[in-house]
Amino acid sequence: MSARLDARRIAPEGYRALRSLQAYVNQSGLEPALLELVKIRASQINGCAFCLAMHYRDARALGERPERLDLLPAWEEAPVYTARERAALAWTEAVTRIPDHPVHDLVYAAARQEFSEKELVDLTYAVVAINSWNRINVAFRTPPDLPQRNA
C-alpha cells in the first residue's frame, strides 16, 4: 500500500495547529506512560499502523512492560492495569467511538473518580489529538516508520 499525500508538506499550517494541541497535551501533567496507553488504544481502534508503530516504540522507551502492551486490546479482562489506567482506557474508547454511541454516564463517573476536572479535559484533548493524527495517517496511508531488518 503506498502513501497518498503528505499532509504536513501540503498544509503545514494545519499540521502546526495539530502539533500545538499535541504539545499542550504533552505538557498537561498527565503521566507520559498513561498517554502512550491512550494513544495506542485509540490507534488500535482506528487501525493506524503509523501511530501504532510510533507509540509502541515510545511506550517501550518509557519502560512499559511487553505484557501490558500485548494485553491492551483486552484491557478489560487483563489484571495488569490500574484503576486510573482502566478509567482512561474506557474514556478513550468511548470518546473514540462517539459515532457508534454516546459516552455513557458510567464511563464518565468512573473517569471522574480517577481524574480531576482539568485532568479529564486534558485526557479528552489527548484522545481528540490521537484520533486526529489517526484519521490523517489512515486517510493518506502514511506508512509506519519501521526498523530496517537485515535479510
N, C-alpha and C. Protein backbone atom coordinates (compact mmCIF):
# COMPACT_ATOMS: atom_id res chain seq x y z
N MET A 1 0.85 -1.17 0.00
CA MET A 1 0.00 0.00 0.00
C MET A 1 0.91 1.24 0.00
N SER A 2 0.67 2.14 -0.89
CA SER A 2 1.52 3.32 -0.98
C SER A 2 0.82 4.54 -0.39
N ALA A 3 1.64 5.47 0.08
CA ALA A 3 1.12 6.72 0.66
C ALA A 3 0.38 7.51 -0.41
N ARG A 4 -0.61 8.27 0.05
CA ARG A 4 -1.39 9.09 -0.87
C ARG A 4 -0.87 10.52 -0.91
N LEU A 5 -0.93 11.21 0.20
CA LEU A 5 -0.50 12.61 0.28
C LEU A 5 0.34 12.81 1.53
N ASP A 6 1.18 13.83 1.50
CA ASP A 6 1.96 14.23 2.68
C ASP A 6 1.29 15.48 3.25
N ALA A 7 0.38 15.29 4.20
CA ALA A 7 -0.40 16.40 4.76
C ALA A 7 0.49 17.48 5.37
N ARG A 8 1.56 17.06 6.02
CA ARG A 8 2.46 18.03 6.65
C ARG A 8 3.08 18.97 5.62
N ARG A 9 3.47 18.43 4.49
CA ARG A 9 4.09 19.24 3.44
C ARG A 9 3.05 20.10 2.71
N ILE A 10 1.88 19.54 2.46
CA ILE A 10 0.87 20.23 1.67
C ILE A 10 0.16 21.33 2.47
N ALA A 11 -0.09 21.08 3.75
CA ALA A 11 -0.80 22.06 4.59
C ALA A 11 -0.05 22.21 5.93
N PRO A 12 1.11 22.85 5.89
CA PRO A 12 1.93 22.94 7.11
C PRO A 12 1.25 23.71 8.24
N GLU A 13 0.36 24.65 7.93
CA GLU A 13 -0.31 25.41 8.98
C GLU A 13 -1.24 24.50 9.79
N GLY A 14 -1.95 23.63 9.11
CA GLY A 14 -2.82 22.67 9.80
C GLY A 14 -2.01 21.71 10.65
N TYR A 15 -0.90 21.26 10.11
CA TYR A 15 -0.01 20.36 10.85
C TYR A 15 0.50 21.05 12.11
N ARG A 16 0.91 22.31 11.97
CA ARG A 16 1.41 23.05 13.15
C ARG A 16 0.31 23.24 14.19
N ALA A 17 -0.92 23.46 13.76
CA ALA A 17 -2.02 23.61 14.70
C ALA A 17 -2.24 22.32 15.49
N LEU A 18 -2.20 21.19 14.80
CA LEU A 18 -2.36 19.91 15.49
C LEU A 18 -1.16 19.63 16.40
N ARG A 19 0.03 20.00 15.97
CA ARG A 19 1.22 19.86 16.81
C ARG A 19 1.09 20.73 18.07
N SER A 20 0.46 21.89 17.96
CA SER A 20 0.25 22.74 19.13
C SER A 20 -0.67 22.06 20.13
N LEU A 21 -1.74 21.42 19.66
CA LEU A 21 -2.61 20.68 20.55
C LEU A 21 -1.83 19.55 21.21
N GLN A 22 -1.02 18.83 20.43
CA GLN A 22 -0.23 17.73 20.99
C GLN A 22 0.77 18.25 22.02
N ALA A 23 1.37 19.39 21.76
CA ALA A 23 2.32 19.98 22.72
C ALA A 23 1.61 20.33 24.03
N TYR A 24 0.39 20.86 23.93
CA TYR A 24 -0.40 21.15 25.13
C TYR A 24 -0.63 19.87 25.92
N VAL A 25 -1.07 18.82 25.24
CA VAL A 25 -1.35 17.54 25.90
C VAL A 25 -0.07 17.03 26.57
N ASN A 26 1.04 17.09 25.86
CA ASN A 26 2.30 16.57 26.39
C ASN A 26 2.75 17.30 27.65
N GLN A 27 2.41 18.57 27.79
CA GLN A 27 2.81 19.33 28.98
C GLN A 27 1.69 19.45 30.00
N SER A 28 0.60 18.75 29.80
CA SER A 28 -0.58 18.90 30.66
C SER A 28 -0.39 18.37 32.07
N GLY A 29 0.60 17.53 32.28
CA GLY A 29 0.80 16.94 33.59
C GLY A 29 0.29 15.51 33.69
N LEU A 30 -0.46 15.05 32.68
CA LEU A 30 -0.86 13.64 32.67
C LEU A 30 0.39 12.78 32.48
N GLU A 31 0.37 11.62 33.09
CA GLU A 31 1.53 10.74 33.06
C GLU A 31 1.86 10.33 31.62
N PRO A 32 3.13 10.47 31.21
CA PRO A 32 3.51 10.08 29.85
C PRO A 32 3.17 8.63 29.52
N ALA A 33 3.36 7.71 30.46
CA ALA A 33 3.05 6.30 30.20
C ALA A 33 1.55 6.11 29.98
N LEU A 34 0.74 6.80 30.75
CA LEU A 34 -0.72 6.74 30.58
C LEU A 34 -1.11 7.26 29.20
N LEU A 35 -0.51 8.38 28.81
CA LEU A 35 -0.81 8.95 27.50
C LEU A 35 -0.44 7.98 26.38
N GLU A 36 0.64 7.25 26.52
CA GLU A 36 1.02 6.28 25.49
C GLU A 36 0.00 5.16 25.40
N LEU A 37 -0.51 4.67 26.55
CA LEU A 37 -1.55 3.65 26.52
C LEU A 37 -2.79 4.16 25.78
N VAL A 38 -3.16 5.40 26.06
CA VAL A 38 -4.32 6.02 25.40
C VAL A 38 -4.08 6.11 23.90
N LYS A 39 -2.91 6.56 23.51
CA LYS A 39 -2.59 6.70 22.08
C LYS A 39 -2.61 5.35 21.38
N ILE A 40 -2.07 4.34 22.03
CA ILE A 40 -2.05 3.01 21.42
C ILE A 40 -3.47 2.46 21.30
N ARG A 41 -4.26 2.58 22.36
CA ARG A 41 -5.62 2.02 22.32
C ARG A 41 -6.46 2.69 21.23
N ALA A 42 -6.42 4.01 21.15
CA ALA A 42 -7.18 4.69 20.10
C ALA A 42 -6.67 4.28 18.72
N SER A 43 -5.36 4.16 18.58
CA SER A 43 -4.78 3.79 17.29
C SER A 43 -5.14 2.36 16.91
N GLN A 44 -5.28 1.47 17.90
CA GLN A 44 -5.75 0.11 17.62
C GLN A 44 -7.17 0.15 17.08
N ILE A 45 -8.03 0.91 17.75
CA ILE A 45 -9.43 1.02 17.32
C ILE A 45 -9.51 1.57 15.90
N ASN A 46 -8.69 2.59 15.62
CA ASN A 46 -8.74 3.27 14.32
C ASN A 46 -7.90 2.59 13.24
N GLY A 47 -7.13 1.57 13.60
CA GLY A 47 -6.32 0.86 12.62
C GLY A 47 -5.22 1.69 12.02
N CYS A 48 -4.55 2.50 12.84
CA CYS A 48 -3.50 3.39 12.33
C CYS A 48 -2.12 2.76 12.56
N ALA A 49 -1.58 2.15 11.52
CA ALA A 49 -0.28 1.49 11.61
C ALA A 49 0.84 2.48 11.94
N PHE A 50 0.79 3.67 11.34
CA PHE A 50 1.82 4.67 11.59
C PHE A 50 1.89 5.00 13.08
N CYS A 51 0.73 5.31 13.68
CA CYS A 51 0.70 5.70 15.09
C CYS A 51 0.99 4.51 16.01
N LEU A 52 0.54 3.32 15.64
CA LEU A 52 0.84 2.15 16.46
C LEU A 52 2.33 1.91 16.54
N ALA A 53 3.01 1.94 15.41
CA ALA A 53 4.46 1.73 15.41
C ALA A 53 5.15 2.78 16.28
N MET A 54 4.75 4.03 16.13
CA MET A 54 5.37 5.12 16.88
C MET A 54 5.13 4.97 18.38
N HIS A 55 3.89 4.72 18.77
CA HIS A 55 3.56 4.76 20.19
C HIS A 55 3.91 3.47 20.93
N TYR A 56 3.97 2.35 20.24
CA TYR A 56 4.54 1.15 20.87
C TYR A 56 6.01 1.42 21.19
N ARG A 57 6.73 1.99 20.24
CA ARG A 57 8.15 2.31 20.43
C ARG A 57 8.31 3.31 21.58
N ASP A 58 7.47 4.34 21.61
CA ASP A 58 7.57 5.35 22.68
C ASP A 58 7.25 4.74 24.04
N ALA A 59 6.24 3.87 24.09
CA ALA A 59 5.87 3.23 25.36
C ALA A 59 7.01 2.34 25.87
N ARG A 60 7.61 1.59 24.97
CA ARG A 60 8.75 0.74 25.38
C ARG A 60 9.90 1.60 25.88
N ALA A 61 10.13 2.74 25.24
CA ALA A 61 11.21 3.65 25.68
C ALA A 61 10.94 4.20 27.07
N LEU A 62 9.67 4.32 27.44
CA LEU A 62 9.31 4.77 28.79
C LEU A 62 9.35 3.64 29.81
N GLY A 63 9.67 2.43 29.36
CA GLY A 63 9.78 1.29 30.26
C GLY A 63 8.53 0.45 30.37
N GLU A 64 7.57 0.65 29.47
CA GLU A 64 6.34 -0.13 29.52
C GLU A 64 6.66 -1.61 29.31
N ARG A 65 6.03 -2.45 30.12
CA ARG A 65 6.26 -3.89 30.05
C ARG A 65 5.56 -4.49 28.83
N PRO A 66 6.23 -5.43 28.16
CA PRO A 66 5.64 -6.04 26.95
C PRO A 66 4.27 -6.66 27.18
N GLU A 67 4.07 -7.33 28.32
CA GLU A 67 2.78 -7.99 28.53
C GLU A 67 1.64 -6.97 28.64
N ARG A 68 1.91 -5.79 29.16
CA ARG A 68 0.86 -4.77 29.23
C ARG A 68 0.52 -4.26 27.83
N LEU A 69 1.52 -4.13 26.99
CA LEU A 69 1.26 -3.72 25.60
C LEU A 69 0.54 -4.83 24.84
N ASP A 70 0.95 -6.07 25.06
CA ASP A 70 0.31 -7.19 24.38
C ASP A 70 -1.16 -7.34 24.77
N LEU A 71 -1.49 -7.06 26.02
CA LEU A 71 -2.85 -7.27 26.52
C LEU A 71 -3.76 -6.06 26.32
N LEU A 72 -3.25 -4.98 25.80
CA LEU A 72 -4.04 -3.75 25.68
C LEU A 72 -5.36 -3.93 24.91
N PRO A 73 -5.41 -4.72 23.83
CA PRO A 73 -6.71 -4.89 23.16
C PRO A 73 -7.76 -5.56 24.07
N ALA A 74 -7.31 -6.27 25.09
CA ALA A 74 -8.22 -6.95 26.02
C ALA A 74 -8.06 -6.39 27.43
N TRP A 75 -7.85 -5.08 27.54
CA TRP A 75 -7.54 -4.46 28.83
C TRP A 75 -8.60 -4.73 29.89
N GLU A 76 -9.86 -4.86 29.48
CA GLU A 76 -10.94 -5.08 30.45
C GLU A 76 -10.80 -6.44 31.14
N GLU A 77 -10.17 -7.38 30.48
CA GLU A 77 -10.01 -8.73 31.02
C GLU A 77 -8.65 -8.96 31.67
N ALA A 78 -7.73 -8.02 31.50
CA ALA A 78 -6.35 -8.21 31.97
C ALA A 78 -6.14 -7.49 33.31
N PRO A 79 -5.56 -8.19 34.30
CA PRO A 79 -5.40 -7.61 35.63
C PRO A 79 -4.14 -6.74 35.79
N VAL A 80 -3.57 -6.28 34.70
CA VAL A 80 -2.28 -5.58 34.77
C VAL A 80 -2.39 -4.06 34.72
N TYR A 81 -3.61 -3.54 34.71
CA TYR A 81 -3.81 -2.09 34.61
C TYR A 81 -4.41 -1.56 35.90
N THR A 82 -4.00 -0.35 36.28
CA THR A 82 -4.52 0.30 37.48
C THR A 82 -5.94 0.81 37.23
N ALA A 83 -6.61 1.19 38.30
CA ALA A 83 -7.96 1.77 38.17
C ALA A 83 -7.90 3.04 37.32
N ARG A 84 -6.88 3.84 37.50
CA ARG A 84 -6.75 5.08 36.72
C ARG A 84 -6.55 4.76 35.24
N GLU A 85 -5.71 3.78 34.93
CA GLU A 85 -5.50 3.38 33.54
C GLU A 85 -6.78 2.82 32.94
N ARG A 86 -7.50 2.02 33.70
CA ARG A 86 -8.76 1.45 33.21
C ARG A 86 -9.77 2.55 32.90
N ALA A 87 -9.85 3.53 33.78
CA ALA A 87 -10.77 4.64 33.54
C ALA A 87 -10.36 5.41 32.28
N ALA A 88 -9.05 5.62 32.11
CA ALA A 88 -8.56 6.33 30.92
C ALA A 88 -8.82 5.54 29.65
N LEU A 89 -8.63 4.23 29.71
CA LEU A 89 -8.87 3.40 28.53
C LEU A 89 -10.35 3.34 28.17
N ALA A 90 -11.21 3.25 29.18
CA ALA A 90 -12.66 3.26 28.92
C ALA A 90 -13.07 4.60 28.31
N TRP A 91 -12.53 5.69 28.86
CA TRP A 91 -12.83 7.03 28.33
C TRP A 91 -12.34 7.15 26.89
N THR A 92 -11.13 6.65 26.64
CA THR A 92 -10.56 6.68 25.29
C THR A 92 -11.45 5.96 24.30
N GLU A 93 -11.89 4.77 24.67
CA GLU A 93 -12.76 4.00 23.78
C GLU A 93 -14.08 4.72 23.54
N ALA A 94 -14.67 5.26 24.60
CA ALA A 94 -15.96 5.93 24.47
C ALA A 94 -15.86 7.17 23.59
N VAL A 95 -14.84 7.98 23.80
CA VAL A 95 -14.68 9.21 23.01
C VAL A 95 -14.31 8.87 21.57
N THR A 96 -13.51 7.84 21.38
CA THR A 96 -13.12 7.43 20.02
C THR A 96 -14.32 6.89 19.25
N ARG A 97 -15.23 6.23 19.96
CA ARG A 97 -16.37 5.58 19.30
C ARG A 97 -17.66 6.39 19.39
N ILE A 98 -17.58 7.68 19.59
CA ILE A 98 -18.78 8.51 19.67
C ILE A 98 -19.72 8.29 18.49
N PRO A 99 -19.24 8.09 17.26
CA PRO A 99 -20.18 7.84 16.17
C PRO A 99 -21.07 6.61 16.39
N ASP A 100 -20.60 5.65 17.19
CA ASP A 100 -21.38 4.43 17.45
C ASP A 100 -22.40 4.61 18.57
N HIS A 101 -22.05 5.41 19.58
CA HIS A 101 -22.95 5.63 20.73
C HIS A 101 -22.40 6.75 21.59
N PRO A 102 -23.27 7.40 22.36
CA PRO A 102 -22.80 8.50 23.22
C PRO A 102 -21.93 7.97 24.36
N VAL A 103 -21.19 8.85 24.98
CA VAL A 103 -20.36 8.49 26.13
C VAL A 103 -21.31 8.21 27.31
N HIS A 104 -21.25 6.99 27.80
CA HIS A 104 -22.17 6.54 28.84
C HIS A 104 -21.85 7.21 30.19
N ASP A 105 -22.88 7.46 30.98
CA ASP A 105 -22.70 8.08 32.30
C ASP A 105 -21.80 7.26 33.20
N LEU A 106 -21.84 5.94 33.10
CA LEU A 106 -20.98 5.10 33.94
C LEU A 106 -19.50 5.29 33.59
N VAL A 107 -19.21 5.46 32.31
CA VAL A 107 -17.83 5.69 31.88
C VAL A 107 -17.36 7.05 32.40
N TYR A 108 -18.24 8.04 32.29
CA TYR A 108 -17.91 9.37 32.81
C TYR A 108 -17.68 9.32 34.32
N ALA A 109 -18.56 8.65 35.04
CA ALA A 109 -18.43 8.57 36.51
C ALA A 109 -17.12 7.89 36.91
N ALA A 110 -16.76 6.83 36.22
CA ALA A 110 -15.51 6.14 36.53
C ALA A 110 -14.31 7.04 36.24
N ALA A 111 -14.38 7.78 35.15
CA ALA A 111 -13.29 8.70 34.81
C ALA A 111 -13.19 9.82 35.84
N ARG A 112 -14.32 10.35 36.27
CA ARG A 112 -14.30 11.44 37.27
C ARG A 112 -13.80 10.96 38.63
N GLN A 113 -13.96 9.68 38.89
CA GLN A 113 -13.46 9.14 40.14
C GLN A 113 -11.93 9.11 40.15
N GLU A 114 -11.33 8.96 38.99
CA GLU A 114 -9.87 8.83 38.87
C GLU A 114 -9.18 10.11 38.43
N PHE A 115 -9.91 11.04 37.81
CA PHE A 115 -9.31 12.23 37.23
C PHE A 115 -10.02 13.48 37.73
N SER A 116 -9.24 14.51 38.01
CA SER A 116 -9.84 15.80 38.34
C SER A 116 -10.54 16.35 37.10
N GLU A 117 -11.28 17.42 37.27
CA GLU A 117 -11.94 18.03 36.11
C GLU A 117 -10.93 18.41 35.04
N LYS A 118 -9.87 19.09 35.45
CA LYS A 118 -8.85 19.51 34.48
C LYS A 118 -8.17 18.31 33.84
N GLU A 119 -7.85 17.30 34.63
CA GLU A 119 -7.22 16.11 34.07
C GLU A 119 -8.13 15.43 33.05
N LEU A 120 -9.43 15.40 33.32
CA LEU A 120 -10.35 14.75 32.38
C LEU A 120 -10.48 15.56 31.09
N VAL A 121 -10.48 16.86 31.20
CA VAL A 121 -10.49 17.68 29.99
C VAL A 121 -9.19 17.45 29.21
N ASP A 122 -8.05 17.43 29.91
CA ASP A 122 -6.78 17.18 29.24
C ASP A 122 -6.73 15.79 28.62
N LEU A 123 -7.26 14.80 29.32
CA LEU A 123 -7.33 13.45 28.75
C LEU A 123 -8.19 13.46 27.49
N THR A 124 -9.27 14.20 27.51
CA THR A 124 -10.13 14.30 26.33
C THR A 124 -9.39 14.97 25.18
N TYR A 125 -8.63 16.02 25.47
CA TYR A 125 -7.80 16.63 24.42
C TYR A 125 -6.79 15.61 23.87
N ALA A 126 -6.25 14.76 24.74
CA ALA A 126 -5.31 13.73 24.28
C ALA A 126 -6.00 12.76 23.33
N VAL A 127 -7.22 12.37 23.66
CA VAL A 127 -7.97 11.45 22.79
C VAL A 127 -8.32 12.14 21.47
N VAL A 128 -8.72 13.39 21.54
CA VAL A 128 -9.02 14.15 20.32
C VAL A 128 -7.77 14.24 19.44
N ALA A 129 -6.63 14.52 20.05
CA ALA A 129 -5.39 14.66 19.27
C ALA A 129 -5.03 13.35 18.58
N ILE A 130 -5.01 12.23 19.31
CA ILE A 130 -4.60 10.97 18.68
C ILE A 130 -5.61 10.54 17.63
N ASN A 131 -6.90 10.80 17.86
CA ASN A 131 -7.88 10.47 16.83
C ASN A 131 -7.64 11.32 15.58
N SER A 132 -7.26 12.57 15.75
CA SER A 132 -6.95 13.41 14.59
C SER A 132 -5.74 12.88 13.83
N TRP A 133 -4.67 12.57 14.58
CA TRP A 133 -3.48 12.01 13.93
C TRP A 133 -3.83 10.71 13.20
N ASN A 134 -4.62 9.85 13.86
CA ASN A 134 -5.02 8.57 13.24
C ASN A 134 -5.75 8.82 11.93
N ARG A 135 -6.70 9.72 11.95
CA ARG A 135 -7.51 9.95 10.75
C ARG A 135 -6.68 10.51 9.59
N ILE A 136 -5.75 11.38 9.91
CA ILE A 136 -4.87 11.92 8.86
C ILE A 136 -4.00 10.81 8.29
N ASN A 137 -3.38 10.03 9.18
CA ASN A 137 -2.45 8.99 8.71
C ASN A 137 -3.16 7.84 8.01
N VAL A 138 -4.35 7.47 8.46
CA VAL A 138 -5.09 6.41 7.78
C VAL A 138 -5.60 6.91 6.43
N ALA A 139 -6.16 8.11 6.40
CA ALA A 139 -6.72 8.64 5.16
C ALA A 139 -5.65 8.77 4.07
N PHE A 140 -4.45 9.20 4.46
CA PHE A 140 -3.40 9.43 3.48
C PHE A 140 -2.38 8.30 3.42
N ARG A 141 -2.70 7.19 4.14
CA ARG A 141 -1.87 5.98 4.11
C ARG A 141 -0.41 6.26 4.45
N THR A 142 -0.19 6.99 5.51
CA THR A 142 1.17 7.26 5.94
C THR A 142 1.80 5.94 6.40
N PRO A 143 2.90 5.54 5.79
CA PRO A 143 3.49 4.25 6.16
C PRO A 143 4.16 4.33 7.54
N PRO A 144 4.12 3.23 8.30
CA PRO A 144 4.78 3.23 9.60
C PRO A 144 6.29 3.31 9.44
N ASP A 145 6.92 3.93 10.40
CA ASP A 145 8.38 4.03 10.43
C ASP A 145 8.88 2.79 11.16
N LEU A 146 9.29 1.79 10.37
CA LEU A 146 9.71 0.51 10.94
C LEU A 146 11.23 0.37 10.85
N PRO A 147 11.82 -0.30 11.84
CA PRO A 147 13.27 -0.53 11.75
C PRO A 147 13.59 -1.42 10.56
N GLN A 148 14.71 -1.16 9.95
CA GLN A 148 15.14 -1.98 8.82
C GLN A 148 15.69 -3.29 9.34
N ARG A 149 15.27 -4.37 8.74
CA ARG A 149 15.74 -5.71 9.13
C ARG A 149 16.65 -6.25 8.04
N ASN A 150 17.73 -6.85 8.47
CA ASN A 150 18.64 -7.48 7.52
C ASN A 150 18.08 -8.85 7.12
N ALA A 151 18.12 -9.16 5.85
CA ALA A 151 17.58 -10.43 5.37
C ALA A 151 18.51 -11.57 5.66
